[in-house]
Amino acid sequence: MPWESAAPFVLITGGIWVMSELLDKSHKVAHGRPKTTGLDPWDRGLAERDSRFAKSWGKWVKDHEVSPAFPGPGRRRRGRGRHSGRHFPDSPA
């Protein structure tokens, strides 16, 4: 009778699932982030390089603050740029 093996199967599978969830949650509580799996030395080196770059980039941004009068990227004045209206004869610009 195959249904007789359902209860032990559910208990064993449920127990393994609960243990893995507890391990995952305890790691997240202890370290504040999920466990990273499948990282080789190349990936760790890239992560270290990215963190060093982010630190130096933040320092550079602080040293080179731009004046608020500078429009910056994405805030162009009308009449400049590719879609200013001069390419489209029907547009009002």
PDB file of N, CA and C in Angstrom:
ATOM      1  N   MET A   1       0.825  -1.167   0.000  1.00  0.00           N
ATOM      2  CA  MET A   1       0.000   0.000   0.000  1.00  0.00           C
ATOM      3  C   MET A   1       0.881   1.245   0.000  1.00  0.00           C
ATOM      4  N   PRO A   2       0.899   1.969  -1.096  1.00  0.00           N
ATOM      5  CA  PRO A   2       1.822   3.094  -1.220  1.00  0.00           C
ATOM      6  C   PRO A   2       1.506   4.273  -0.305  1.00  0.00           C
ATOM      7  N   TRP A   3       0.264   4.481   0.073  1.00  0.00           N
ATOM      8  CA  TRP A   3      -0.061   5.653   0.887  1.00  0.00           C
ATOM      9  C   TRP A   3       0.483   5.533   2.311  1.00  0.00           C
ATOM     10  N   GLU A   4       0.845   4.333   2.728  1.00  0.00           N
ATOM     11  CA  GLU A   4       1.400   4.157   4.067  1.00  0.00           C
ATOM     12  C   GLU A   4       2.782   4.790   4.185  1.00  0.00           C
ATOM     13  N   SER A   5       3.461   4.933   3.071  1.00  0.00           N
ATOM     14  CA  SER A   5       4.787   5.551   3.119  1.00  0.00           C
ATOM     15  C   SER A   5       4.719   7.074   2.993  1.00  0.00           C
ATOM     16  N   ALA A   6       3.535   7.636   2.829  1.00  0.00           N
ATOM     17  CA  ALA A   6       3.406   9.089   2.673  1.00  0.00           C
ATOM     18  C   ALA A   6       3.747   9.829   3.966  1.00  0.00           C
ATOM     19  N   ALA A   7       3.266   9.337   5.110  1.00  0.00           N
ATOM     20  CA  ALA A   7       3.508  10.033   6.384  1.00  0.00           C
ATOM     21  C   ALA A   7       5.003  10.102   6.717  1.00  0.00           C
ATOM     22  N   PRO A   8       5.756   9.005   6.670  1.00  0.00           N
ATOM     23  CA  PRO A   8       7.185   9.136   6.947  1.00  0.00           C
ATOM     24  C   PRO A   8       7.906  10.018   5.945  1.00  0.00           C
ATOM     25  N   PHE A   9       7.503   9.932   4.685  1.00  0.00           N
ATOM     26  CA  PHE A   9       8.129  10.777   3.658  1.00  0.00           C
ATOM     27  C   PHE A   9       7.893  12.254   3.967  1.00  0.00           C
ATOM     28  N   VAL A  10       6.666  12.609   4.325  1.00  0.00           N
ATOM     29  CA  VAL A  10       6.346  14.003   4.651  1.00  0.00           C
ATOM     30  C   VAL A  10       7.116  14.448   5.893  1.00  0.00           C
ATOM     31  N   LEU A  11       7.205  13.577   6.909  1.00  0.00           N
ATOM     32  CA  LEU A  11       7.925  13.949   8.132  1.00  0.00           C
ATOM     33  C   LEU A  11       9.416  14.155   7.869  1.00  0.00           C
ATOM     34  N   ILE A  12      10.029  13.272   7.115  1.00  0.00           N
ATOM     35  CA  ILE A  12      11.457  13.403   6.839  1.00  0.00           C
ATOM     36  C   ILE A  12      11.727  14.619   5.968  1.00  0.00           C
ATOM     37  N   THR A  13      10.933  14.796   4.911  1.00  0.00           N
ATOM     38  CA  THR A  13      11.113  15.955   4.024  1.00  0.00           C
ATOM     39  C   THR A  13      10.864  17.259   4.773  1.00  0.00           C
ATOM     40  N   GLY A  14       9.820  17.302   5.591  1.00  0.00           N
ATOM     41  CA  GLY A  14       9.518  18.496   6.385  1.00  0.00           C
ATOM     42  C   GLY A  14      10.621  18.815   7.369  1.00  0.00           C
ATOM     43  N   GLY A  15      11.178  17.771   8.005  1.00  0.00           N
ATOM     44  CA  GLY A  15      12.279  17.991   8.953  1.00  0.00           C
ATOM     45  C   GLY A  15      13.511  18.564   8.280  1.00  0.00           C
ATOM     46  N   ILE A  16      13.847  18.039   7.113  1.00  0.00           N
ATOM     47  CA  ILE A  16      15.007  18.566   6.369  1.00  0.00           C
ATOM     48  C   ILE A  16      14.747  20.009   5.945  1.00  0.00           C
ATOM     49  N   TRP A  17      13.538  20.309   5.506  1.00  0.00           N
ATOM     50  CA  TRP A  17      13.196  21.667   5.090  1.00  0.00           C
ATOM     51  C   TRP A  17      13.282  22.639   6.272  1.00  0.00           C
ATOM     52  N   VAL A  18      12.742  22.233   7.425  1.00  0.00           N
ATOM     53  CA  VAL A  18      12.779  23.101   8.611  1.00  0.00           C
ATOM     54  C   VAL A  18      14.221  23.356   9.041  1.00  0.00           C
ATOM     55  N   MET A  19      15.068  22.324   9.022  1.00  0.00           N
ATOM     56  CA  MET A  19      16.472  22.512   9.400  1.00  0.00           C
ATOM     57  C   MET A  19      17.177  23.491   8.460  1.00  0.00           C
ATOM     58  N   SER A  20      16.909  23.382   7.159  1.00  0.00           N
ATOM     59  CA  SER A  20      17.568  24.288   6.217  1.00  0.00           C
ATOM     60  C   SER A  20      17.070  25.716   6.391  1.00  0.00           C
ATOM     61  N   GLU A  21      15.782  25.877   6.657  1.00  0.00           N
ATOM     62  CA  GLU A  21      15.256  27.230   6.878  1.00  0.00           C
ATOM     63  C   GLU A  21      15.822  27.845   8.154  1.00  0.00           C
ATOM     64  N   LEU A  22      15.925  27.048   9.222  1.00  0.00           N
ATOM     65  CA  LEU A  22      16.508  27.568  10.462  1.00  0.00           C
ATOM     66  C   LEU A  22      17.966  27.962  10.267  1.00  0.00           C
ATOM     67  N   LEU A  23      18.705  27.172   9.514  1.00  0.00           N
ATOM     68  CA  LEU A  23      20.103  27.506   9.240  1.00  0.00           C
ATOM     69  C   LEU A  23      20.198  28.807   8.445  1.00  0.00           C
ATOM     70  N   ASP A  24      19.349  28.946   7.449  1.00  0.00           N
ATOM     71  CA  ASP A  24      19.350  30.158   6.625  1.00  0.00           C
ATOM     72  C   ASP A  24      18.987  31.392   7.451  1.00  0.00           C
ATOM     73  N   LYS A  25      17.932  31.283   8.256  1.00  0.00           N
ATOM     74  CA  LYS A  25      17.498  32.430   9.068  1.00  0.00           C
ATOM     75  C   LYS A  25      18.525  32.785  10.128  1.00  0.00           C
ATOM     76  N   SER A  26      19.161  31.774  10.741  1.00  0.00           N
ATOM     77  CA  SER A  26      20.161  32.080  11.761  1.00  0.00           C
ATOM     78  C   SER A  26      21.380  32.766  11.142  1.00  0.00           C
ATOM     79  N   HIS A  27      21.754  32.379   9.937  1.00  0.00           N
ATOM     80  CA  HIS A  27      22.864  33.047   9.261  1.00  0.00           C
ATOM     81  C   HIS A  27      22.504  34.496   8.940  1.00  0.00           C
ATOM     82  N   LYS A  28      21.270  34.712   8.496  1.00  0.00           N
ATOM     83  CA  LYS A  28      20.845  36.076   8.170  1.00  0.00           C
ATOM     84  C   LYS A  28      20.795  36.952   9.418  1.00  0.00           C
ATOM     85  N   VAL A  29      20.347  36.399  10.545  1.00  0.00           N
ATOM     86  CA  VAL A  29      20.316  37.172  11.790  1.00  0.00           C
ATOM     87  C   VAL A  29      21.740  37.482  12.259  1.00  0.00           C
ATOM     88  N   ALA A  30      22.631  36.519  12.138  1.00  0.00           N
ATOM     89  CA  ALA A  30      23.993  36.704  12.629  1.00  0.00           C
ATOM     90  C   ALA A  30      24.796  37.677  11.764  1.00  0.00           C
ATOM     91  N   HIS A  31      24.608  37.628  10.449  1.00  0.00           N
ATOM     92  CA  HIS A  31      25.444  38.421   9.549  1.00  0.00           C
ATOM     93  C   HIS A  31      24.712  39.577   8.871  1.00  0.00           C
ATOM     94  N   GLY A  32      23.398  39.630   8.966  1.00  0.00           N
ATOM     95  CA  GLY A  32      22.634  40.728   8.394  1.00  0.00           C
ATOM     96  C   GLY A  32      22.375  40.617   6.909  1.00  0.00           C
ATOM     97  N   ARG A  33      22.748  39.511   6.299  1.00  0.00           N
ATOM     98  CA  ARG A  33      22.511  39.310   4.872  1.00  0.00           C
ATOM     99  C   ARG A  33      22.466  37.817   4.598  1.00  0.00           C
ATOM    100  N   PRO A  34      21.864  37.411   3.495  1.00  0.00           N
ATOM    101  CA  PRO A  34      21.828  35.986   3.191  1.00  0.00           C
ATOM    102  C   PRO A  34      23.218  35.441   2.893  1.00  0.00           C
ATOM    103  N   LYS A  35      23.371  34.145   3.084  1.00  0.00           N
ATOM    104  CA  LYS A  35      24.656  33.510   2.838  1.00  0.00           C
ATOM    105  C   LYS A  35      24.939  33.486   1.344  1.00  0.00           C
ATOM    106  N   THR A  36      26.138  33.888   0.970  1.00  0.00           N
ATOM    107  CA  THR A  36      26.514  33.855  -0.433  1.00  0.00           C
ATOM    108  C   THR A  36      27.104  32.495  -0.749  1.00  0.00           C
ATOM    109  N   THR A  37      26.555  31.838  -1.744  1.00  0.00           N
ATOM    110  CA  THR A  37      27.019  30.514  -2.112  1.00  0.00           C
ATOM    111  C   THR A  37      27.523  30.535  -3.543  1.00  0.00           C
ATOM    112  N   GLY A  38      28.427  29.641  -3.843  1.00  0.00           N
ATOM    113  CA  GLY A  38      28.912  29.507  -5.206  1.00  0.00           C
ATOM    114  C   GLY A  38      29.917  30.571  -5.627  1.00  0.00           C
ATOM    115  N   LEU A  39      30.584  31.206  -4.675  1.00  0.00           N
ATOM    116  CA  LEU A  39      31.585  32.208  -5.030  1.00  0.00           C
ATOM    117  C   LEU A  39      32.959  31.561  -5.105  1.00  0.00           C
ATOM    118  N   ASP A  40      33.641  31.798  -6.193  1.00  0.00           N
ATOM    119  CA  ASP A  40      35.010  31.314  -6.312  1.00  0.00           C
ATOM    120  C   ASP A  40      35.958  32.498  -6.068  1.00  0.00           C
ATOM    121  N   PRO A  41      37.259  32.273  -6.056  1.00  0.00           N
ATOM    122  CA  PRO A  41      38.199  33.374  -5.793  1.00  0.00           C
ATOM    123  C   PRO A  41      38.063  34.534  -6.787  1.00  0.00           C
ATOM    124  N   TRP A  42      37.688  34.236  -8.030  1.00  0.00           N
ATOM    125  CA  TRP A  42      37.512  35.303  -9.012  1.00  0.00           C
ATOM    126  C   TRP A  42      36.369  36.228  -8.602  1.00  0.00           C
ATOM    127  N   ASP A  43      35.247  35.654  -8.189  1.00  0.00           N
ATOM    128  CA  ASP A  43      34.106  36.469  -7.775  1.00  0.00           C
ATOM    129  C   ASP A  43      34.421  37.276  -6.522  1.00  0.00           C
ATOM    130  N   ARG A  44      35.145  36.667  -5.592  1.00  0.00           N
ATOM    131  CA  ARG A  44      35.522  37.411  -4.378  1.00  0.00           C
ATOM    132  C   ARG A  44      36.450  38.574  -4.722  1.00  0.00           C
ATOM    133  N   GLY A  45      37.379  38.348  -5.650  1.00  0.00           N
ATOM    134  CA  GLY A  45      38.274  39.422  -6.084  1.00  0.00           C
ATOM    135  C   GLY A  45      37.521  40.556  -6.748  1.00  0.00           C
ATOM    136  N   LEU A  46      36.517  40.212  -7.564  1.00  0.00           N
ATOM    137  CA  LEU A  46      35.706  41.259  -8.194  1.00  0.00           C
ATOM    138  C   LEU A  46      34.919  42.053  -7.162  1.00  0.00           C
ATOM    139  N   ALA A  47      34.387  41.372  -6.161  1.00  0.00           N
ATOM    140  CA  ALA A  47      33.648  42.072  -5.113  1.00  0.00           C
ATOM    141  C   ALA A  47      34.562  43.006  -4.332  1.00  0.00           C
ATOM    142  N   GLU A  48      35.781  42.560  -4.048  1.00  0.00           N
ATOM    143  CA  GLU A  48      36.734  43.421  -3.341  1.00  0.00           C
ATOM    144  C   GLU A  48      37.112  44.631  -4.185  1.00  0.00           C
ATOM    145  N   ARG A  49      37.340  44.399  -5.481  1.00  0.00           N
ATOM    146  CA  ARG A  49      37.673  45.498  -6.378  1.00  0.00           C
ATOM    147  C   ARG A  49      36.528  46.504  -6.453  1.00  0.00           C
ATOM    148  N   ASP A  50      35.285  46.006  -6.542  1.00  0.00           N
ATOM    149  CA  ASP A  50      34.136  46.895  -6.614  1.00  0.00           C
ATOM    150  C   ASP A  50      33.984  47.719  -5.347  1.00  0.00           C
ATOM    151  N   SER A  51      34.243  47.105  -4.181  1.00  0.00           N
ATOM    152  CA  SER A  51      34.122  47.872  -2.939  1.00  0.00           C
ATOM    153  C   SER A  51      35.204  48.949  -2.854  1.00  0.00           C
ATOM    154  N   ARG A  52      36.432  48.624  -3.302  1.00  0.00           N
ATOM    155  CA  ARG A  52      37.487  49.646  -3.313  1.00  0.00           C
ATOM    156  C   ARG A  52      37.140  50.773  -4.278  1.00  0.00           C
ATOM    157  N   PHE A  53      36.586  50.413  -5.431  1.00  0.00           N
ATOM    158  CA  PHE A  53      36.195  51.429  -6.406  1.00  0.00           C
ATOM    159  C   PHE A  53      35.092  52.318  -5.846  1.00  0.00           C
ATOM    160  N   ALA A  54      34.128  51.715  -5.163  1.00  0.00           N
ATOM    161  CA  ALA A  54      33.024  52.501  -4.605  1.00  0.00           C
ATOM    162  C   ALA A  54      33.540  53.484  -3.549  1.00  0.00           C
ATOM    163  N   LYS A  55      34.487  53.044  -2.725  1.00  0.00           N
ATOM    164  CA  LYS A  55      35.058  53.956  -1.720  1.00  0.00           C
ATOM    165  C   LYS A  55      35.790  55.119  -2.376  1.00  0.00           C
ATOM    166  N   SER A  56      36.621  54.810  -3.378  1.00  0.00           N
ATOM    167  CA  SER A  56      37.370  55.886  -4.025  1.00  0.00           C
ATOM    168  C   SER A  56      36.441  56.788  -4.826  1.00  0.00           C
ATOM    169  N   TRP A  57      35.378  56.231  -5.411  1.00  0.00           N
ATOM    170  CA  TRP A  57      34.428  57.052  -6.169  1.00  0.00           C
ATOM    171  C   TRP A  57      33.690  58.002  -5.241  1.00  0.00           C
ATOM    172  N   GLY A  58      33.299  57.532  -4.064  1.00  0.00           N
ATOM    173  CA  GLY A  58      32.626  58.409  -3.108  1.00  0.00           C
ATOM    174  C   GLY A  58      33.531  59.543  -2.656  1.00  0.00           C
ATOM    175  N   LYS A  59      34.809  59.237  -2.457  1.00  0.00           N
ATOM    176  CA  LYS A  59      35.761  60.270  -2.072  1.00  0.00           C
ATOM    177  C   LYS A  59      35.936  61.279  -3.202  1.00  0.00           C
ATOM    178  N   TRP A  60      35.976  60.794  -4.446  1.00  0.00           N
ATOM    179  CA  TRP A  60      36.139  61.690  -5.594  1.00  0.00           C
ATOM    180  C   TRP A  60      34.921  62.593  -5.737  1.00  0.00           C
ATOM    181  N   VAL A  61      33.732  62.058  -5.551  1.00  0.00           N
ATOM    182  CA  VAL A  61      32.511  62.854  -5.688  1.00  0.00           C
ATOM    183  C   VAL A  61      32.488  63.955  -4.642  1.00  0.00           C
ATOM    184  N   LYS A  62      32.918  63.648  -3.406  1.00  0.00           N
ATOM    185  CA  LYS A  62      32.945  64.669  -2.363  1.00  0.00           C
ATOM    186  C   LYS A  62      33.934  65.777  -2.711  1.00  0.00           C
ATOM    187  N   ASP A  63      35.073  65.416  -3.309  1.00  0.00           N
ATOM    188  CA  ASP A  63      36.095  66.405  -3.639  1.00  0.00           C
ATOM    189  C   ASP A  63      35.731  67.244  -4.860  1.00  0.00           C
ATOM    190  N   HIS A  64      34.881  66.736  -5.735  1.00  0.00           N
ATOM    191  CA  HIS A  64      34.546  67.429  -6.972  1.00  0.00           C
ATOM    192  C   HIS A  64      33.049  67.726  -7.044  1.00  0.00           C
ATOM    193  N   GLU A  65      32.547  68.437  -6.073  1.00  0.00           N
ATOM    194  CA  GLU A  65      31.123  68.768  -6.091  1.00  0.00           C
ATOM    195  C   GLU A  65      30.846  69.778  -7.183  1.00  0.00           C
ATOM    196  N   VAL A  66      29.720  69.595  -7.848  1.00  0.00           N
ATOM    197  CA  VAL A  66      29.348  70.436  -8.976  1.00  0.00           C
ATOM    198  C   VAL A  66      28.421  71.539  -8.489  1.00  0.00           C
ATOM    199  N   SER A  67      28.539  72.691  -9.102  1.00  0.00           N
ATOM    200  CA  SER A  67      27.693  73.822  -8.751  1.00  0.00           C
ATOM    201  C   SER A  67      26.226  73.494  -9.043  1.00  0.00           C
ATOM    202  N   PRO A  68      25.285  73.941  -8.205  1.00  0.00           N
ATOM    203  CA  PRO A  68      23.876  73.678  -8.475  1.00  0.00           C
ATOM    204  C   PRO A  68      23.383  74.372  -9.747  1.00  0.00           C
ATOM    205  N   ALA A  69      24.098  75.383 -10.239  1.00  0.00           N
ATOM    206  CA  ALA A  69      23.686  76.070 -11.459  1.00  0.00           C
ATOM    207  C   ALA A  69      23.950  75.212 -12.691  1.00  0.00           C
ATOM    208  N   PHE A  70      24.843  74.235 -12.567  1.00  0.00           N
ATOM    209  CA  PHE A  70      25.127  73.351 -13.694  1.00  0.00           C
ATOM    210  C   PHE A  70      23.947  72.421 -13.910  1.00  0.00           C
ATOM    211  N   PRO A  71      23.407  72.358 -15.126  1.00  0.00           N
ATOM    212  CA  PRO A  71      22.188  71.562 -15.318  1.00  0.00           C
ATOM    213  C   PRO A  71      22.399  70.068 -15.118  1.00  0.00           C
ATOM    214  N   GLY A  72      23.555  69.528 -15.405  1.00  0.00           N
ATOM    215  CA  GLY A  72      23.821  68.117 -15.201  1.00  0.00           C
ATOM    216  C   GLY A  72      23.185  67.249 -16.265  1.00  0.00           C
ATOM    217  N   PRO A  73      23.484  65.968 -16.251  1.00  0.00           N
ATOM    218  CA  PRO A  73      22.922  65.083 -17.260  1.00  0.00           C
ATOM    219  C   PRO A  73      21.427  64.869 -17.045  1.00  0.00           C
ATOM    220  N   GLY A  74      20.704  64.827 -18.131  1.00  0.00           N
ATOM    221  CA  GLY A  74      19.272  64.598 -18.058  1.00  0.00           C
ATOM    222  C   GLY A  74      18.459  65.838 -17.782  1.00  0.00           C
ATOM    223  N   ARG A  75      19.105  66.960 -17.552  1.00  0.00           N
ATOM    224  CA  ARG A  75      18.373  68.196 -17.274  1.00  0.00           C
ATOM    225  C   ARG A  75      18.785  69.261 -18.278  1.00  0.00           C
ATOM    226  N   ARG A  76      18.720  68.926 -19.534  1.00  0.00           N
ATOM    227  CA  ARG A  76      19.142  69.865 -20.563  1.00  0.00           C
ATOM    228  C   ARG A  76      18.117  70.968 -20.760  1.00  0.00           C
ATOM    229  N   ARG A  77      18.629  72.063 -21.230  1.00  0.00           N
ATOM    230  CA  ARG A  77      17.722  73.148 -21.574  1.00  0.00           C
ATOM    231  C   ARG A  77      17.058  72.832 -22.892  1.00  0.00           C
ATOM    232  N   ARG A  78      15.895  73.369 -23.103  1.00  0.00           N
ATOM    233  CA  ARG A  78      15.154  73.108 -24.328  1.00  0.00           C
ATOM    234  C   ARG A  78      15.884  73.744 -25.510  1.00  0.00           C
ATOM    235  N   GLY A  79      15.838  73.070 -26.631  1.00  0.00           N
ATOM    236  CA  GLY A  79      16.490  73.585 -27.823  1.00  0.00           C
ATOM    237  C   GLY A  79      17.845  72.977 -28.058  1.00  0.00           C
ATOM    238  N   ARG A  80      18.291  72.124 -27.152  1.00  0.00           N
ATOM    239  CA  ARG A  80      19.573  71.456 -27.321  1.00  0.00           C
ATOM    240  C   ARG A  80      19.344  69.960 -27.305  1.00  0.00           C
ATOM    241  N   GLY A  81      20.166  69.239 -27.994  1.00  0.00           N
ATOM    242  CA  GLY A  81      20.077  67.792 -27.948  1.00  0.00           C
ATOM    243  C   GLY A  81      19.398  67.217 -29.173  1.00  0.00           C
ATOM    244  N   ARG A  82      19.296  65.915 -29.141  1.00  0.00           N
ATOM    245  CA  ARG A  82      18.823  65.193 -30.310  1.00  0.00           C
ATOM    246  C   ARG A  82      17.343  65.382 -30.581  1.00  0.00           C
ATOM    247  N   HIS A  83      16.540  65.427 -29.552  1.00  0.00           N
ATOM    248  CA  HIS A  83      15.094  65.531 -29.733  1.00  0.00           C
ATOM    249  C   HIS A  83      14.597  66.920 -29.345  1.00  0.00           C
ATOM    250  N   SER A  84      15.209  67.911 -29.854  1.00  0.00           N
ATOM    251  CA  SER A  84      14.809  69.266 -29.494  1.00  0.00           C
ATOM    252  C   SER A  84      13.666  69.781 -30.352  1.00  0.00           C
ATOM    253  N   GLY A  85      13.278  69.072 -31.369  1.00  0.00           N
ATOM    254  CA  GLY A  85      12.171  69.506 -32.206  1.00  0.00           C
ATOM    255  C   GLY A  85      12.595  69.888 -33.602  1.00  0.00           C
ATOM    256  N   ARG A  86      13.864  70.159 -33.800  1.00  0.00           N
ATOM    257  CA  ARG A  86      14.277  70.589 -35.116  1.00  0.00           C
ATOM    258  C   ARG A  86      14.265  69.443 -36.133  1.00  0.00           C
ATOM    259  N   HIS A  87      14.309  68.201 -35.639  1.00  0.00           N
ATOM    260  CA  HIS A  87      14.270  67.051 -36.539  1.00  0.00           C
ATOM    261  C   HIS A  87      12.843  66.666 -36.902  1.00  0.00           C
ATOM    262  N   PHE A  88      11.901  67.183 -36.147  1.00  0.00           N
ATOM    263  CA  PHE A  88      10.500  66.836 -36.368  1.00  0.00           C
ATOM    264  C   PHE A  88       9.752  68.085 -36.799  1.00  0.00           C
ATOM    265  N   PRO A  89       9.448  68.245 -38.060  1.00  0.00           N
ATOM    266  CA  PRO A  89       8.857  69.489 -38.532  1.00  0.00           C
ATOM    267  C   PRO A  89       7.469  69.755 -37.965  1.00  0.00           C
ATOM    268  N   ASP A  90       6.740  68.739 -37.518  1.00  0.00           N
ATOM    269  CA  ASP A  90       5.396  68.968 -37.011  1.00  0.00           C
ATOM    270  C   ASP A  90       5.383  69.350 -35.535  1.00  0.00           C
ATOM    271  N   SER A  91       6.523  69.250 -34.857  1.00  0.00           N
ATOM    272  CA  SER A  91       6.524  69.546 -33.421  1.00  0.00           C
ATOM    273  C   SER A  91       6.560  71.067 -33.207  1.00  0.00           C
ATOM    274  N   PRO A  92       5.990  71.538 -32.095  1.00  0.00           N
ATOM    275  CA  PRO A  92       5.906  72.972 -31.838  1.00  0.00           C
ATOM    276  C   PRO A  92       7.215  73.604 -31.420  1.00  0.00           C
ATOM    277  N   ALA A  93       8.237  72.852 -31.115  1.00  0.00           N
ATOM    278  CA  ALA A  93       9.483  73.438 -30.592  1.00  0.00           C
ATOM    279  C   ALA A  93      10.268  74.145 -31.610  1.00  0.00           C
TER     280      ALA A  93
END
